[in-house]
Protein backbone atom coordinates (compact mmCIF):
# COMPACT_ATOMS: atom_id res chain seq x y z
CA MET A 1 128.42 72.36 111.06
CA ARG A 2 125.54 70.33 109.59
CA TYR A 3 125.93 67.54 107.06
CA TYR A 4 123.41 66.48 104.40
CA SER A 5 123.83 63.49 102.12
CA PHE A 6 122.98 63.82 98.44
CA VAL A 7 122.73 61.60 95.38
CA THR A 8 122.95 62.59 91.74
CA VAL A 9 121.08 60.58 89.13
CA ASP A 10 120.68 60.77 85.37
CA VAL A 11 116.97 60.69 84.56
CA PHE A 12 115.11 59.50 81.44
CA THR A 13 118.03 57.35 80.39
CA GLU A 14 119.47 53.87 80.97
CA ARG A 15 123.12 54.92 80.81
CA ARG A 16 125.29 57.27 82.83
CA PHE A 17 125.93 60.70 81.32
CA GLY A 18 122.77 60.54 79.26
CA GLY A 19 119.41 61.99 80.18
CA ASN A 20 118.93 64.90 82.56
CA PRO A 21 121.10 65.07 85.70
CA LEU A 22 119.43 65.70 89.05
CA ALA A 23 120.71 66.20 92.58
CA VAL A 24 118.54 64.76 95.37
CA PHE A 25 118.81 65.46 99.10
CA PRO A 26 116.84 62.51 100.57
CA ASP A 27 116.58 64.16 104.01
CA ALA A 28 116.65 67.97 103.99
CA THR A 29 115.10 68.37 107.43
CA GLY A 30 116.34 71.58 109.03
CA MET A 31 117.43 73.31 105.83
CA THR A 32 116.25 76.86 105.25
CA ASP A 33 114.77 78.09 101.99
CA ALA A 34 117.91 80.14 101.37
CA GLU A 35 120.14 77.10 101.89
CA MET A 36 118.09 75.03 99.45
CA GLN A 37 118.30 77.77 96.84
CA SER A 38 122.05 78.19 97.39
CA LEU A 39 122.67 74.45 97.04
CA ALA A 40 120.62 74.33 93.83
CA ALA A 41 122.69 77.20 92.43
CA GLU A 42 125.90 75.48 93.54
CA PHE A 43 125.01 72.23 91.77
CA ASN A 44 124.16 74.30 88.68
CA LEU A 45 121.75 71.67 87.35
CA SER A 46 118.36 72.39 85.89
CA GLU A 47 116.80 71.23 89.18
CA THR A 48 117.71 69.96 92.64
CA THR A 49 115.20 68.34 95.01
CA PHE A 50 114.92 68.43 98.79
CA VAL A 51 112.90 65.77 100.60
CA LEU A 52 111.10 66.70 103.82
CA PRO A 53 108.61 64.94 106.12
CA PRO A 54 105.07 65.08 104.72
CA GLU A 55 102.50 67.44 106.19
CA ASP A 56 99.99 64.57 105.96
CA PRO A 57 101.45 61.32 107.35
CA LYS A 58 99.47 59.35 104.77
CA ASN A 59 101.80 60.72 102.10
CA THR A 60 105.39 59.66 101.49
CA ALA A 61 107.16 63.02 101.62
CA ARG A 62 107.03 66.71 100.88
CA VAL A 63 109.32 67.41 97.95
CA ARG A 64 110.63 70.86 97.10
CA ILE A 65 112.12 71.50 93.67
CA PHE A 66 114.58 74.33 93.00
CA THR A 67 116.15 75.52 89.76
CA ARG A 68 119.30 77.61 89.85
CA THR A 69 117.18 80.70 90.57
CA ARG A 70 113.73 79.77 91.93
CA GLU A 71 111.44 77.16 93.42
CA MET A 72 109.21 75.21 91.04
CA PRO A 73 105.64 74.06 91.75
CA PHE A 74 106.16 70.80 89.85
CA ALA A 75 108.65 69.27 87.42
CA GLY A 76 109.04 65.97 85.64
CA HIS A 77 112.57 64.63 85.90
CA PRO A 78 112.93 65.76 89.55
CA ASN A 79 109.95 63.61 90.51
CA VAL A 80 111.09 60.58 88.53
CA GLY A 81 114.63 60.85 89.91
CA THR A 82 113.57 61.51 93.50
CA ALA A 83 111.17 58.56 93.39
CA TYR A 84 114.00 56.33 92.14
CA VAL A 85 116.29 57.45 94.98
CA LEU A 86 113.66 56.98 97.70
CA ALA A 87 112.66 53.59 96.30
CA GLN A 88 116.31 52.52 96.53
CA GLN A 89 116.03 53.35 100.24
CA GLY A 90 112.90 51.19 100.55
CA LEU A 91 110.57 54.10 101.22
CA ASP A 92 107.88 53.11 98.72
CA GLU A 93 104.77 51.17 99.75
CA ARG A 94 104.18 48.26 97.34
CA GLY A 95 105.77 50.29 94.57
CA LYS A 96 103.77 53.44 95.33
CA LEU A 97 104.92 56.90 96.42
CA LEU A 98 102.92 60.08 97.01
CA PHE A 99 104.70 63.45 97.02
CA GLU A 100 103.31 66.72 98.37
CA GLU A 101 104.33 69.61 96.09
CA LEU A 102 103.29 73.20 95.49
CA ALA A 103 101.20 72.19 92.47
CA GLY A 104 99.44 69.38 94.37
CA LEU A 105 99.89 65.69 95.09
CA VAL A 106 102.06 63.68 92.70
CA GLU A 107 101.28 59.96 92.48
CA ILE A 108 104.18 57.73 91.51
CA ASP A 109 104.61 54.08 90.51
CA VAL A 110 108.12 52.69 90.87
CA GLU A 111 109.48 50.56 88.02
CA ARG A 112 111.65 47.58 88.98
CA ASP A 113 113.72 45.03 87.08
CA ALA A 114 113.55 41.24 87.32
CA ALA A 115 115.71 41.35 90.46
CA ASN A 116 113.22 43.76 92.07
CA MET A 117 115.69 46.67 91.94
CA PRO A 118 114.30 50.16 91.16
CA ILE A 119 115.12 51.27 87.61
CA GLY A 120 112.72 54.19 87.07
CA ALA A 121 109.25 55.53 87.74
CA THR A 122 105.98 56.70 86.27
CA ILE A 123 104.58 59.95 87.64
CA ALA A 124 101.06 61.35 87.32
CA ALA A 125 101.05 65.11 86.74
CA PRO A 126 99.12 66.84 89.56
CA GLN A 127 96.70 68.86 87.41
CA PRO A 128 94.61 68.36 84.26
CA LEU A 129 95.56 70.15 81.06
CA SER A 130 95.06 73.91 81.09
CA LEU A 131 95.86 76.29 78.26
CA GLY A 132 97.18 79.81 78.55
CA PRO A 133 97.98 82.55 76.05
CA GLU A 134 98.93 81.96 72.45
CA LEU A 135 102.16 83.53 71.22
CA ALA A 136 102.69 85.06 67.81
CA VAL A 137 104.57 82.93 65.34
CA GLU A 138 107.08 85.75 64.88
CA THR A 139 107.71 85.89 68.63
CA VAL A 140 108.35 82.16 68.94
CA ALA A 141 110.57 82.10 65.86
CA ALA A 142 112.67 84.99 67.20
CA CYS A 143 113.08 83.30 70.59
CA ALA A 144 114.31 80.12 68.89
CA GLY A 145 116.52 81.83 66.30
CA LEU A 146 114.33 80.50 63.49
CA GLU A 147 112.26 81.92 60.65
CA PRO A 148 108.48 82.25 61.02
CA SER A 149 108.13 79.77 58.15
CA ASP A 150 109.83 77.14 60.37
CA ILE A 151 106.85 77.13 62.76
CA ARG A 152 104.11 74.65 61.78
CA LEU A 153 100.48 75.65 62.35
CA GLY A 154 98.61 72.66 60.95
CA GLY A 155 97.86 71.21 64.38
CA HIS A 156 97.83 74.21 66.70
CA ARG A 157 99.29 77.65 67.18
CA PRO A 158 102.11 78.21 69.71
CA VAL A 159 100.31 78.08 73.04
CA GLU A 160 101.08 77.89 76.73
CA ALA A 161 100.05 74.51 78.19
CA SER A 162 100.36 73.17 81.71
CA LEU A 163 99.77 70.14 83.92
CA GLY A 164 101.12 72.06 86.92
CA ASN A 165 104.08 73.86 85.33
CA PRO A 166 103.50 75.99 82.18
CA PHE A 167 105.45 75.87 78.92
CA VAL A 168 104.85 77.44 75.54
CA ILE A 169 104.60 74.57 73.06
CA ALA A 170 105.22 74.99 69.34
CA GLU A 171 105.55 72.53 66.49
CA VAL A 172 108.42 73.18 64.06
CA GLU A 173 109.67 71.71 60.82
CA ALA A 174 111.87 68.69 61.48
CA SER A 175 114.79 70.31 59.66
CA ALA A 176 114.51 73.39 61.89
CA LEU A 177 114.66 71.62 65.24
CA SER A 178 118.41 71.07 65.19
CA ARG A 179 118.99 74.67 64.03
CA ALA A 180 117.11 76.25 66.92
CA THR A 181 119.21 78.47 69.20
CA PRO A 182 117.70 80.53 72.05
CA ASP A 183 117.95 84.29 71.74
CA PHE A 184 118.04 85.99 75.16
CA ALA A 185 116.86 89.40 73.93
CA SER A 186 113.86 87.88 72.17
CA PHE A 187 112.90 85.95 75.30
CA ARG A 188 113.00 89.20 77.28
CA ARG A 189 110.85 91.00 74.70
CA ALA A 190 108.35 88.14 74.70
CA LEU A 191 107.91 88.44 78.45
CA GLU A 192 107.55 92.22 78.25
CA GLN A 193 104.93 91.93 75.52
CA THR A 194 102.98 89.06 77.12
CA PRO A 195 102.10 89.84 80.77
CA ALA A 196 99.92 86.71 80.88
CA LEU A 197 103.12 84.61 80.97
CA ASN A 198 103.67 85.94 84.51
CA GLY A 199 107.36 86.57 83.99
CA ARG A 200 108.32 83.04 83.00
CA LEU A 201 108.91 81.54 79.56
CA GLY A 202 110.02 78.00 78.87
CA LEU A 203 109.80 77.23 75.14
CA TYR A 204 109.18 73.61 74.14
CA LEU A 205 109.71 72.88 70.45
CA TYR A 206 108.83 69.56 68.86
CA ALA A 207 108.72 67.82 65.50
CA HIS A 208 106.94 64.60 64.62
CA ALA A 209 109.33 61.71 64.02
CA GLY A 210 107.02 58.86 63.06
CA GLN A 211 103.94 57.19 64.49
CA GLY A 212 103.75 57.91 68.22
CA SER A 213 107.18 59.55 68.38
CA VAL A 214 108.49 63.12 68.46
CA GLN A 215 111.81 64.88 68.81
CA ALA A 216 111.81 67.83 71.22
CA ARG A 217 113.98 70.61 72.66
CA MET A 218 113.33 72.99 75.57
CA PHE A 219 114.84 76.44 76.14
CA ALA A 220 114.43 78.56 79.29
CA PRO A 221 117.49 80.81 79.19
CA LEU A 222 116.13 83.54 81.45
CA GLY A 223 115.65 80.95 84.20
CA GLY A 224 119.24 79.73 83.87
CA THR A 225 118.55 76.68 81.68
CA ILE A 226 119.74 77.53 78.21
CA GLU A 227 118.65 74.06 77.09
CA ASP A 228 117.20 71.14 79.03
CA ALA A 229 118.09 67.53 78.24
CA ALA A 230 114.69 66.15 79.31
CA THR A 231 111.62 68.06 80.46
CA GLY A 232 108.90 65.85 81.87
CA SER A 233 106.68 68.76 82.92
CA ALA A 234 106.62 69.91 79.27
CA ALA A 235 106.39 66.42 77.76
CA GLY A 236 103.18 65.71 79.67
CA PRO A 237 101.41 68.86 78.45
CA LEU A 238 102.53 68.10 74.90
CA GLY A 239 100.87 64.69 75.03
CA ALA A 240 97.75 66.17 76.63
CA LEU A 241 97.59 68.99 74.07
CA LEU A 242 97.87 66.59 71.14
CA LEU A 243 95.15 64.40 72.62
CA SER A 244 92.90 67.46 73.00
CA LEU A 245 93.13 68.01 69.24
CA SER A 246 91.62 64.58 68.53
CA ASP A 247 88.59 62.51 69.54
CA ALA A 248 90.69 59.63 70.88
CA PRO A 249 90.34 58.54 74.52
CA GLU A 250 94.09 58.07 74.95
CA LEU A 251 97.42 59.02 73.36
CA ARG A 252 100.80 57.36 73.86
CA LEU A 253 103.91 59.24 72.88
CA ASP A 254 107.65 58.54 72.98
CA ILE A 255 109.55 61.81 73.26
CA HIS A 256 113.24 61.96 72.40
CA GLN A 257 115.04 64.97 73.83
CA GLY A 258 118.62 66.01 74.60
CA VAL A 259 120.00 64.55 71.37
CA VAL A 260 121.57 67.81 70.17
CA MET A 261 123.16 68.26 73.61
CA GLY A 262 124.75 64.81 73.54
CA ARG A 263 122.53 63.66 76.41
CA PRO A 264 119.85 61.56 74.68
CA SER A 265 116.71 61.07 76.73
CA LEU A 266 113.53 59.04 76.33
CA LEU A 267 110.28 60.13 77.99
CA ARG A 268 107.21 57.92 77.71
CA VAL A 269 103.95 59.89 77.95
CA VAL A 270 100.40 58.60 78.21
CA ALA A 271 97.57 61.16 78.07
CA ARG A 272 93.99 60.16 78.92
CA ARG A 273 90.60 61.84 79.06
CA GLY A 274 89.05 61.92 82.52
CA THR A 275 86.11 63.39 84.34
CA ASP A 276 88.00 66.60 85.13
CA GLY A 277 89.83 66.97 81.81
CA ILE A 278 92.89 65.51 80.17
CA ARG A 279 95.58 64.16 82.45
CA ALA A 280 98.94 62.57 81.71
CA THR A 281 101.63 60.33 83.12
CA ILE A 282 105.33 60.59 82.35
CA ALA A 283 107.68 57.61 82.68
CA GLY A 284 111.39 57.04 82.42
CA ARG A 285 114.42 55.12 83.63
CA CYS A 286 117.23 56.36 85.92
CA VAL A 287 120.85 55.57 86.81
CA THR A 288 122.85 56.66 89.86
CA VAL A 289 126.00 58.69 89.20
CA LEU A 290 127.38 60.31 92.38
CA ARG A 291 126.96 60.18 96.15
CA GLY A 292 128.30 62.75 98.59
CA VAL A 293 127.81 65.02 101.58
CA ALA A 294 127.17 68.77 101.69
CA GLN A 295 128.34 70.85 104.67
CA LEU A 296 126.22 73.78 105.85
């Protein structure tokens, strides 16, 4: 019998039972891929992370991220939460961490309070903004259980955007955001009709809520996440996409998510123009909830 310690944290929140829960295995050395996937399914959270020794000793760790059904190349709240857990163990170097992931290297700055205790992190998405296929308004509306008239087109059409993990992003009327409900059959049809999505559809809906602030919801029902309380790997692309529609050098955005679920979350995004395109950072606070041991 082998024993592996784990920690659960709530991410993008300053209070327990808010934000997005995450399970972290700080030392998963010796686990097989199948065991990691089985543990992620057992926890039944949107993601679970497994920390391994880095392939390059100059980096902090290799981090693998699993949903209930598959491995992810990159994700937001798993990186913020894993950084918080490792920083609690003193594994950062002067507040810096560097994670090896399928999508590339993820640079992280640990946030500490006045007593020098870790309270959160800022992560830099591993890739610049890239855009994929646009989806028909009717398709997006059907997936979200809304009317086509609820989708706003003044800024952009519904489009796939990525900083290492793709999401279809669509702006909706503020009054429609709380009414949105994912429709499984429509998600399946969207994938069948859009091969360029490569068999995966996470739908990120947002509505402007004042200067520098938006409300957002994310649905990925075919991947096992009917709704996500906080989605850093979609929040970053949203900030980058909005910056791409302007001439500004930088955009700062506070994203409120998880409100309808009763798990309010706050994600702080900064998007900047660089030599290789538009990049973004995603920041948030964390709190520890559970500690335990898994037997394999």
